[in-house]
PDB file of N, CA and C in Angstrom:
ATOM      1  N   MET A   1       0.813  -1.185   0.000  1.00  0.00           N
ATOM      2  CA  MET A   1       0.000   0.000   0.000  1.00  0.00           C
ATOM      3  C   MET A   1       0.867   1.265   0.000  1.00  0.00           C
ATOM      4  N   VAL A   2       2.155   1.086  -0.229  1.00  0.00           N
ATOM      5  CA  VAL A   2       3.082   2.216  -0.253  1.00  0.00           C
ATOM      6  C   VAL A   2       2.671   3.237  -1.314  1.00  0.00           C
ATOM      7  N   ASP A   3       2.144   2.767  -2.440  1.00  0.00           N
ATOM      8  CA  ASP A   3       1.757   3.680  -3.521  1.00  0.00           C
ATOM      9  C   ASP A   3       0.640   4.639  -3.114  1.00  0.00           C
ATOM     10  N   ILE A   4      -0.111   4.299  -2.075  1.00  0.00           N
ATOM     11  CA  ILE A   4      -1.164   5.209  -1.622  1.00  0.00           C
ATOM     12  C   ILE A   4      -0.825   5.836  -0.271  1.00  0.00           C
ATOM     13  N   GLY A   5       0.428   5.704   0.175  1.00  0.00           N
ATOM     14  CA  GLY A   5       0.895   6.405   1.365  1.00  0.00           C
ATOM     15  C   GLY A   5       0.800   5.642   2.670  1.00  0.00           C
ATOM     16  N   ILE A   6       0.637   4.332   2.618  1.00  0.00           N
ATOM     17  CA  ILE A   6       0.612   3.518   3.836  1.00  0.00           C
ATOM     18  C   ILE A   6       1.861   2.645   3.846  1.00  0.00           C
ATOM     19  N   ASN A   7       2.677   2.815   4.894  1.00  0.00           N
ATOM     20  CA  ASN A   7       3.943   2.094   5.007  1.00  0.00           C
ATOM     21  C   ASN A   7       3.886   1.087   6.148  1.00  0.00           C
ATOM     22  N   ASP A   8       4.808   0.127   6.146  1.00  0.00           N
ATOM     23  CA  ASP A   8       4.921  -0.821   7.254  1.00  0.00           C
ATOM     24  C   ASP A   8       5.109  -0.047   8.551  1.00  0.00           C
ATOM     25  N   GLY A   9       4.390  -0.434   9.582  1.00  0.00           N
ATOM     26  CA  GLY A   9       4.512   0.202  10.884  1.00  0.00           C
ATOM     27  C   GLY A   9       3.556   1.355  11.114  1.00  0.00           C
ATOM     28  N   ASP A  10       2.868   1.827  10.080  1.00  0.00           N
ATOM     29  CA  ASP A  10       1.900   2.907  10.247  1.00  0.00           C
ATOM     30  C   ASP A  10       0.699   2.410  11.043  1.00  0.00           C
ATOM     31  N   LEU A  11       0.085   3.317  11.773  1.00  0.00           N
ATOM     32  CA  LEU A  11      -1.108   3.007  12.552  1.00  0.00           C
ATOM     33  C   LEU A  11      -2.328   3.457  11.754  1.00  0.00           C
ATOM     34  N   LEU A  12      -3.292   2.565  11.590  1.00  0.00           N
ATOM     35  CA  LEU A  12      -4.497   2.877  10.826  1.00  0.00           C
ATOM     36  C   LEU A  12      -5.679   2.990  11.774  1.00  0.00           C
ATOM     37  N   LEU A  13      -6.433   4.081  11.650  1.00  0.00           N
ATOM     38  CA  LEU A  13      -7.675   4.223  12.397  1.00  0.00           C
ATOM     39  C   LEU A  13      -8.806   3.799  11.481  1.00  0.00           C
ATOM     40  N   VAL A  14      -9.669   2.934  11.991  1.00  0.00           N
ATOM     41  CA  VAL A  14     -10.687   2.294  11.161  1.00  0.00           C
ATOM     42  C   VAL A  14     -12.067   2.538  11.760  1.00  0.00           C
ATOM     43  N   ASP A  15     -13.019   2.878  10.899  1.00  0.00           N
ATOM     44  CA  ASP A  15     -14.412   3.045  11.313  1.00  0.00           C
ATOM     45  C   ASP A  15     -15.218   1.882  10.745  1.00  0.00           C
ATOM     46  N   LYS A  16     -15.683   1.015  11.640  1.00  0.00           N
ATOM     47  CA  LYS A  16     -16.431  -0.166  11.205  1.00  0.00           C
ATOM     48  C   LYS A  16     -17.869   0.174  10.816  1.00  0.00           C
ATOM     49  N   SER A  17     -18.338   1.364  11.157  1.00  0.00           N
ATOM     50  CA  SER A  17     -19.723   1.726  10.855  1.00  0.00           C
ATOM     51  C   SER A  17     -19.899   2.296   9.446  1.00  0.00           C
ATOM     52  N   LEU A  18     -18.802   2.649   8.783  1.00  0.00           N
ATOM     53  CA  LEU A  18     -18.887   3.240   7.442  1.00  0.00           C
ATOM     54  C   LEU A  18     -18.972   2.171   6.366  1.00  0.00           C
ATOM     55  N   LYS A  19     -19.711   2.478   5.322  1.00  0.00           N
ATOM     56  CA  LYS A  19     -19.714   1.621   4.130  1.00  0.00           C
ATOM     57  C   LYS A  19     -18.672   2.187   3.176  1.00  0.00           C
ATOM     58  N   PRO A  20     -17.887   1.333   2.535  1.00  0.00           N
ATOM     59  CA  PRO A  20     -16.835   1.853   1.653  1.00  0.00           C
ATOM     60  C   PRO A  20     -17.405   2.497   0.398  1.00  0.00           C
ATOM     61  N   LYS A  21     -16.747   3.575  -0.007  1.00  0.00           N
ATOM     62  CA  LYS A  21     -17.048   4.211  -1.284  1.00  0.00           C
ATOM     63  C   LYS A  21     -16.003   3.724  -2.279  1.00  0.00           C
ATOM     64  N   ASN A  22     -16.220   4.005  -3.537  1.00  0.00           N
ATOM     65  CA  ASN A  22     -15.273   3.587  -4.565  1.00  0.00           C
ATOM     66  C   ASN A  22     -13.885   4.155  -4.259  1.00  0.00           C
ATOM     67  N   PHE A  23     -12.893   3.310  -4.262  1.00  0.00           N
ATOM     68  CA  PHE A  23     -11.487   3.614  -4.004  1.00  0.00           C
ATOM     69  C   PHE A  23     -11.184   3.925  -2.540  1.00  0.00           C
ATOM     70  N   SER A  24     -12.088   3.573  -1.618  1.00  0.00           N
ATOM     71  CA  SER A  24     -11.788   3.690  -0.189  1.00  0.00           C
ATOM     72  C   SER A  24     -10.706   2.683   0.185  1.00  0.00           C
ATOM     73  N   THR A  25      -9.883   3.062   1.158  1.00  0.00           N
ATOM     74  CA  THR A  25      -8.937   2.111   1.729  1.00  0.00           C
ATOM     75  C   THR A  25      -9.659   1.389   2.857  1.00  0.00           C
ATOM     76  N   VAL A  26      -9.609   0.069   2.831  1.00  0.00           N
ATOM     77  CA  VAL A  26     -10.379  -0.730   3.785  1.00  0.00           C
ATOM     78  C   VAL A  26      -9.510  -1.795   4.439  1.00  0.00           C
ATOM     79  N   ILE A  27      -9.992  -2.276   5.572  1.00  0.00           N
ATOM     80  CA  ILE A  27      -9.478  -3.496   6.174  1.00  0.00           C
ATOM     81  C   ILE A  27     -10.480  -4.571   5.790  1.00  0.00           C
ATOM     82  N   ALA A  28      -9.996  -5.641   5.200  1.00  0.00           N
ATOM     83  CA  ALA A  28     -10.888  -6.712   4.752  1.00  0.00           C
ATOM     84  C   ALA A  28     -10.438  -8.037   5.338  1.00  0.00           C
ATOM     85  N   ASN A  29     -11.398  -8.895   5.559  1.00  0.00           N
ATOM     86  CA  ASN A  29     -11.122 -10.259   5.978  1.00  0.00           C
ATOM     87  C   ASN A  29     -11.157 -11.119   4.722  1.00  0.00           C
ATOM     88  N   VAL A  30      -9.992 -11.630   4.343  1.00  0.00           N
ATOM     89  CA  VAL A  30      -9.869 -12.472   3.150  1.00  0.00           C
ATOM     90  C   VAL A  30      -9.412 -13.848   3.614  1.00  0.00           C
ATOM     91  N   HIS A  31     -10.311 -14.802   3.576  1.00  0.00           N
ATOM     92  CA  HIS A  31     -10.012 -16.173   4.012  1.00  0.00           C
ATOM     93  C   HIS A  31      -9.416 -16.188   5.419  1.00  0.00           C
ATOM     94  N   ASP A  32     -10.070 -15.470   6.336  1.00  0.00           N
ATOM     95  CA  ASP A  32      -9.696 -15.395   7.758  1.00  0.00           C
ATOM     96  C   ASP A  32      -8.368 -14.689   8.010  1.00  0.00           C
ATOM     97  N   GLU A  33      -7.957 -13.821   7.104  1.00  0.00           N
ATOM     98  CA  GLU A  33      -6.753 -13.013   7.292  1.00  0.00           C
ATOM     99  C   GLU A  33      -7.116 -11.558   7.023  1.00  0.00           C
ATOM    100  N   LEU A  34      -6.754 -10.645   7.958  1.00  0.00           N
ATOM    101  CA  LEU A  34      -7.033  -9.231   7.758  1.00  0.00           C
ATOM    102  C   LEU A  34      -5.969  -8.617   6.856  1.00  0.00           C
ATOM    103  N   VAL A  35      -6.421  -7.873   5.849  1.00  0.00           N
ATOM    104  CA  VAL A  35      -5.521  -7.231   4.895  1.00  0.00           C
ATOM    105  C   VAL A  35      -5.981  -5.795   4.660  1.00  0.00           C
ATOM    106  N   VAL A  36      -5.046  -4.948   4.235  1.00  0.00           N
ATOM    107  CA  VAL A  36      -5.355  -3.573   3.854  1.00  0.00           C
ATOM    108  C   VAL A  36      -5.410  -3.534   2.337  1.00  0.00           C
ATOM    109  N   LYS A  37      -6.526  -3.075   1.800  1.00  0.00           N
ATOM    110  CA  LYS A  37      -6.722  -3.046   0.350  1.00  0.00           C
ATOM    111  C   LYS A  37      -7.539  -1.821  -0.042  1.00  0.00           C
ATOM    112  N   SER A  38      -7.559  -1.532  -1.327  1.00  0.00           N
ATOM    113  CA  SER A  38      -8.449  -0.512  -1.886  1.00  0.00           C
ATOM    114  C   SER A  38      -9.715  -1.199  -2.375  1.00  0.00           C
ATOM    115  N   PHE A  39     -10.859  -0.612  -2.035  1.00  0.00           N
ATOM    116  CA  PHE A  39     -12.156  -1.127  -2.465  1.00  0.00           C
ATOM    117  C   PHE A  39     -12.517  -0.463  -3.789  1.00  0.00           C
ATOM    118  N   VAL A  40     -12.892  -1.267  -4.774  1.00  0.00           N
ATOM    119  CA  VAL A  40     -13.248  -0.741  -6.097  1.00  0.00           C
ATOM    120  C   VAL A  40     -14.572  -1.352  -6.526  1.00  0.00           C
ATOM    121  N   GLN A  41     -15.436  -0.503  -7.082  1.00  0.00           N
ATOM    122  CA  GLN A  41     -16.700  -0.990  -7.630  1.00  0.00           C
ATOM    123  C   GLN A  41     -16.790  -0.543  -9.083  1.00  0.00           C
ATOM    124  N   GLU A  42     -16.942  -1.520  -9.969  1.00  0.00           N
ATOM    125  CA  GLU A  42     -17.110  -1.267 -11.398  1.00  0.00           C
ATOM    126  C   GLU A  42     -18.394  -1.937 -11.845  1.00  0.00           C
ATOM    127  N   ARG A  43     -19.321  -1.148 -12.288  1.00  0.00           N
ATOM    128  CA  ARG A  43     -20.648  -1.646 -12.684  1.00  0.00           C
ATOM    129  C   ARG A  43     -21.257  -2.450 -11.549  1.00  0.00           C
ATOM    130  N   ASP A  44     -21.496  -3.721 -11.755  1.00  0.00           N
ATOM    131  CA  ASP A  44     -22.132  -4.540 -10.723  1.00  0.00           C
ATOM    132  C   ASP A  44     -21.135  -5.407  -9.962  1.00  0.00           C
ATOM    133  N   LYS A  45     -19.831  -5.182 -10.158  1.00  0.00           N
ATOM    134  CA  LYS A  45     -18.814  -5.995  -9.487  1.00  0.00           C
ATOM    135  C   LYS A  45     -18.064  -5.164  -8.455  1.00  0.00           C
ATOM    136  N   LYS A  46     -17.764  -5.818  -7.332  1.00  0.00           N
ATOM    137  CA  LYS A  46     -16.969  -5.201  -6.274  1.00  0.00           C
ATOM    138  C   LYS A  46     -15.731  -6.063  -6.070  1.00  0.00           C
ATOM    139  N   PHE A  47     -14.589  -5.402  -5.896  1.00  0.00           N
ATOM    140  CA  PHE A  47     -13.364  -6.157  -5.650  1.00  0.00           C
ATOM    141  C   PHE A  47     -12.381  -5.339  -4.839  1.00  0.00           C
ATOM    142  N   LEU A  48     -11.345  -6.010  -4.371  1.00  0.00           N
ATOM    143  CA  LEU A  48     -10.262  -5.393  -3.615  1.00  0.00           C
ATOM    144  C   LEU A  48      -9.002  -5.438  -4.448  1.00  0.00           C
ATOM    145  N   THR A  49      -8.168  -4.422  -4.289  1.00  0.00           N
ATOM    146  CA  THR A  49      -6.892  -4.383  -4.998  1.00  0.00           C
ATOM    147  C   THR A  49      -5.836  -3.766  -4.082  1.00  0.00           C
ATOM    148  N   SER A  50      -4.582  -4.049  -4.365  1.00  0.00           N
ATOM    149  CA  SER A  50      -3.493  -3.518  -3.543  1.00  0.00           C
ATOM    150  C   SER A  50      -3.219  -2.049  -3.834  1.00  0.00           C
ATOM    151  N   GLY A  51      -3.657  -1.561  -4.961  1.00  0.00           N
ATOM    152  CA  GLY A  51      -3.382  -0.180  -5.326  1.00  0.00           C
ATOM    153  C   GLY A  51      -1.997   0.022  -5.907  1.00  0.00           C
ATOM    154  N   SER A  52      -1.240  -1.048  -6.063  1.00  0.00           N
ATOM    155  CA  SER A  52       0.113  -0.957  -6.600  1.00  0.00           C
ATOM    156  C   SER A  52       0.090  -0.919  -8.119  1.00  0.00           C
ATOM    157  N   LYS A  53       0.887  -0.033  -8.673  1.00  0.00           N
ATOM    158  CA  LYS A  53       1.017   0.031 -10.132  1.00  0.00           C
ATOM    159  C   LYS A  53       1.863  -1.124 -10.664  1.00  0.00           C
ATOM    160  N   ASN A  54       2.668  -1.721  -9.783  1.00  0.00           N
ATOM    161  CA  ASN A  54       3.575  -2.792 -10.193  1.00  0.00           C
ATOM    162  C   ASN A  54       2.982  -4.189 -10.026  1.00  0.00           C
ATOM    163  N   TYR A  55       1.820  -4.283  -9.396  1.00  0.00           N
ATOM    164  CA  TYR A  55       1.262  -5.595  -9.085  1.00  0.00           C
ATOM    165  C   TYR A  55      -0.228  -5.581  -9.375  1.00  0.00           C
ATOM    166  N   GLU A  56      -0.647  -6.382 -10.313  1.00  0.00           N
ATOM    167  CA  GLU A  56      -2.059  -6.467 -10.687  1.00  0.00           C
ATOM    168  C   GLU A  56      -2.734  -7.558  -9.864  1.00  0.00           C
ATOM    169  N   ASP A  57      -3.612  -7.149  -8.985  1.00  0.00           N
ATOM    170  CA  ASP A  57      -4.357  -8.127  -8.191  1.00  0.00           C
ATOM    171  C   ASP A  57      -5.788  -7.639  -8.023  1.00  0.00           C
ATOM    172  N   ARG A  58      -6.699  -8.564  -8.079  1.00  0.00           N
ATOM    173  CA  ARG A  58      -8.109  -8.265  -7.846  1.00  0.00           C
ATOM    174  C   ARG A  58      -8.710  -9.423  -7.068  1.00  0.00           C
ATOM    175  N   ILE A  59      -9.266  -9.099  -5.931  1.00  0.00           N
ATOM    176  CA  ILE A  59      -9.962 -10.093  -5.128  1.00  0.00           C
ATOM    177  C   ILE A  59     -11.444  -9.772  -5.239  1.00  0.00           C
ATOM    178  N   LEU A  60     -12.174 -10.618  -5.901  1.00  0.00           N
ATOM    179  CA  LEU A  60     -13.593 -10.402  -6.137  1.00  0.00           C
ATOM    180  C   LEU A  60     -14.377 -10.577  -4.838  1.00  0.00           C
ATOM    181  N   ILE A  61     -15.295  -9.648  -4.605  1.00  0.00           N
ATOM    182  CA  ILE A  61     -16.192  -9.746  -3.457  1.00  0.00           C
ATOM    183  C   ILE A  61     -17.556 -10.150  -3.996  1.00  0.00           C
ATOM    184  N   ASP A  62     -17.971 -11.358  -3.675  1.00  0.00           N
ATOM    185  CA  ASP A  62     -19.301 -11.815  -4.077  1.00  0.00           C
ATOM    186  C   ASP A  62     -19.837 -12.754  -3.005  1.00  0.00           C
ATOM    187  N   GLU A  63     -21.007 -13.277  -3.226  1.00  0.00           N
ATOM    188  CA  GLU A  63     -21.653 -14.126  -2.225  1.00  0.00           C
ATOM    189  C   GLU A  63     -20.894 -15.423  -1.969  1.00  0.00           C
ATOM    190  N   GLU A  64     -20.158 -15.902  -2.948  1.00  0.00           N
ATOM    191  CA  GLU A  64     -19.440 -17.167  -2.804  1.00  0.00           C
ATOM    192  C   GLU A  64     -18.044 -17.003  -2.213  1.00  0.00           C
ATOM    193  N   ALA A  65     -17.496 -15.804  -2.265  1.00  0.00           N
ATOM    194  CA  ALA A  65     -16.135 -15.575  -1.777  1.00  0.00           C
ATOM    195  C   ALA A  65     -16.116 -15.496  -0.255  1.00  0.00           C
ATOM    196  N   ASP A  66     -15.025 -15.949   0.326  1.00  0.00           N
ATOM    197  CA  ASP A  66     -14.816 -15.851   1.767  1.00  0.00           C
ATOM    198  C   ASP A  66     -14.117 -14.524   2.059  1.00  0.00           C
ATOM    199  N   VAL A  67     -14.795 -13.425   1.670  1.00  0.00           N
ATOM    200  CA  VAL A  67     -14.219 -12.086   1.758  1.00  0.00           C
ATOM    201  C   VAL A  67     -15.294 -11.131   2.267  1.00  0.00           C
ATOM    202  N   PHE A  68     -14.943 -10.308   3.269  1.00  0.00           N
ATOM    203  CA  PHE A  68     -15.875  -9.251   3.653  1.00  0.00           C
ATOM    204  C   PHE A  68     -15.106  -8.041   4.171  1.00  0.00           C
ATOM    205  N   ILE A  69     -15.729  -6.874   4.066  1.00  0.00           N
ATOM    206  CA  ILE A  69     -15.127  -5.624   4.512  1.00  0.00           C
ATOM    207  C   ILE A  69     -15.298  -5.529   6.024  1.00  0.00           C
ATOM    208  N   TRP A  70     -14.201  -5.369   6.732  1.00  0.00           N
ATOM    209  CA  TRP A  70     -14.214  -5.262   8.187  1.00  0.00           C
ATOM    210  C   TRP A  70     -14.422  -3.817   8.621  1.00  0.00           C
ATOM    211  N   GLY A  71     -13.810  -2.860   7.888  1.00  0.00           N
ATOM    212  CA  GLY A  71     -13.953  -1.444   8.215  1.00  0.00           C
ATOM    213  C   GLY A  71     -13.249  -0.571   7.195  1.00  0.00           C
ATOM    214  N   VAL A  72     -13.531   0.735   7.274  1.00  0.00           N
ATOM    215  CA  VAL A  72     -12.954   1.715   6.352  1.00  0.00           C
ATOM    216  C   VAL A  72     -11.875   2.505   7.085  1.00  0.00           C
ATOM    217  N   VAL A  73     -10.706   2.625   6.473  1.00  0.00           N
ATOM    218  CA  VAL A  73      -9.605   3.393   7.061  1.00  0.00           C
ATOM    219  C   VAL A  73      -9.956   4.876   6.958  1.00  0.00           C
ATOM    220  N   THR A  74      -9.925   5.568   8.116  1.00  0.00           N
ATOM    221  CA  THR A  74     -10.262   6.993   8.135  1.00  0.00           C
ATOM    222  C   THR A  74      -9.032   7.878   8.334  1.00  0.00           C
ATOM    223  N   TYR A  75      -8.006   7.361   9.006  1.00  0.00           N
ATOM    224  CA  TYR A  75      -6.774   8.118   9.224  1.00  0.00           C
ATOM    225  C   TYR A  75      -5.578   7.179   9.180  1.00  0.00           C
ATOM    226  N   VAL A  76      -4.441   7.729   8.752  1.00  0.00           N
ATOM    227  CA  VAL A  76      -3.170   7.003   8.777  1.00  0.00           C
ATOM    228  C   VAL A  76      -2.195   7.822   9.612  1.00  0.00           C
ATOM    229  N   ILE A  77      -1.636   7.210  10.640  1.00  0.00           N
ATOM    230  CA  ILE A  77      -0.623   7.858  11.466  1.00  0.00           C
ATOM    231  C   ILE A  77       0.700   7.201  11.115  1.00  0.00           C
ATOM    232  N   HIS A  78       1.589   7.990  10.524  1.00  0.00           N
ATOM    233  CA  HIS A  78       2.855   7.447  10.043  1.00  0.00           C
ATOM    234  C   HIS A  78       3.820   7.196  11.199  1.00  0.00           C
ATOM    235  N   SER A  79       4.462   6.048  11.164  1.00  0.00           N
ATOM    236  CA  SER A  79       5.446   5.667  12.158  1.00  0.00           C
ATOM    237  C   SER A  79       6.750   6.405  11.896  1.00  0.00           C
ATOM    238  N   THR A  80       7.414   6.812  12.957  1.00  0.00           N
ATOM    239  CA  THR A  80       8.712   7.473  12.804  1.00  0.00           C
ATOM    240  C   THR A  80       9.854   6.515  13.090  1.00  0.00           C
ATOM    241  N   TYR A  81       9.539   5.267  13.371  1.00  0.00           N
ATOM    242  CA  TYR A  81      10.570   4.278  13.698  1.00  0.00           C
ATOM    243  C   TYR A  81      10.788   3.333  12.563  1.00  0.00           C
TER     244      TYR A  81
END
């Protein structure tokens, strides 16, 4: 998530009550693992992506996938260490 300004060690503040908007940064549960991803909606499809220009990844969010949005990142506090 470095391409969107999130580095290792940064602290993320998350609001679980918000619904993600297109291109929101979210915490998602993907196969029982929490990950930081960008939420994207194109037409009738929703998916997660790393936001990296160097890595093409799309995790489809549908009824059959073991994927759900845990919360929306509202603030990033950068680590100085």
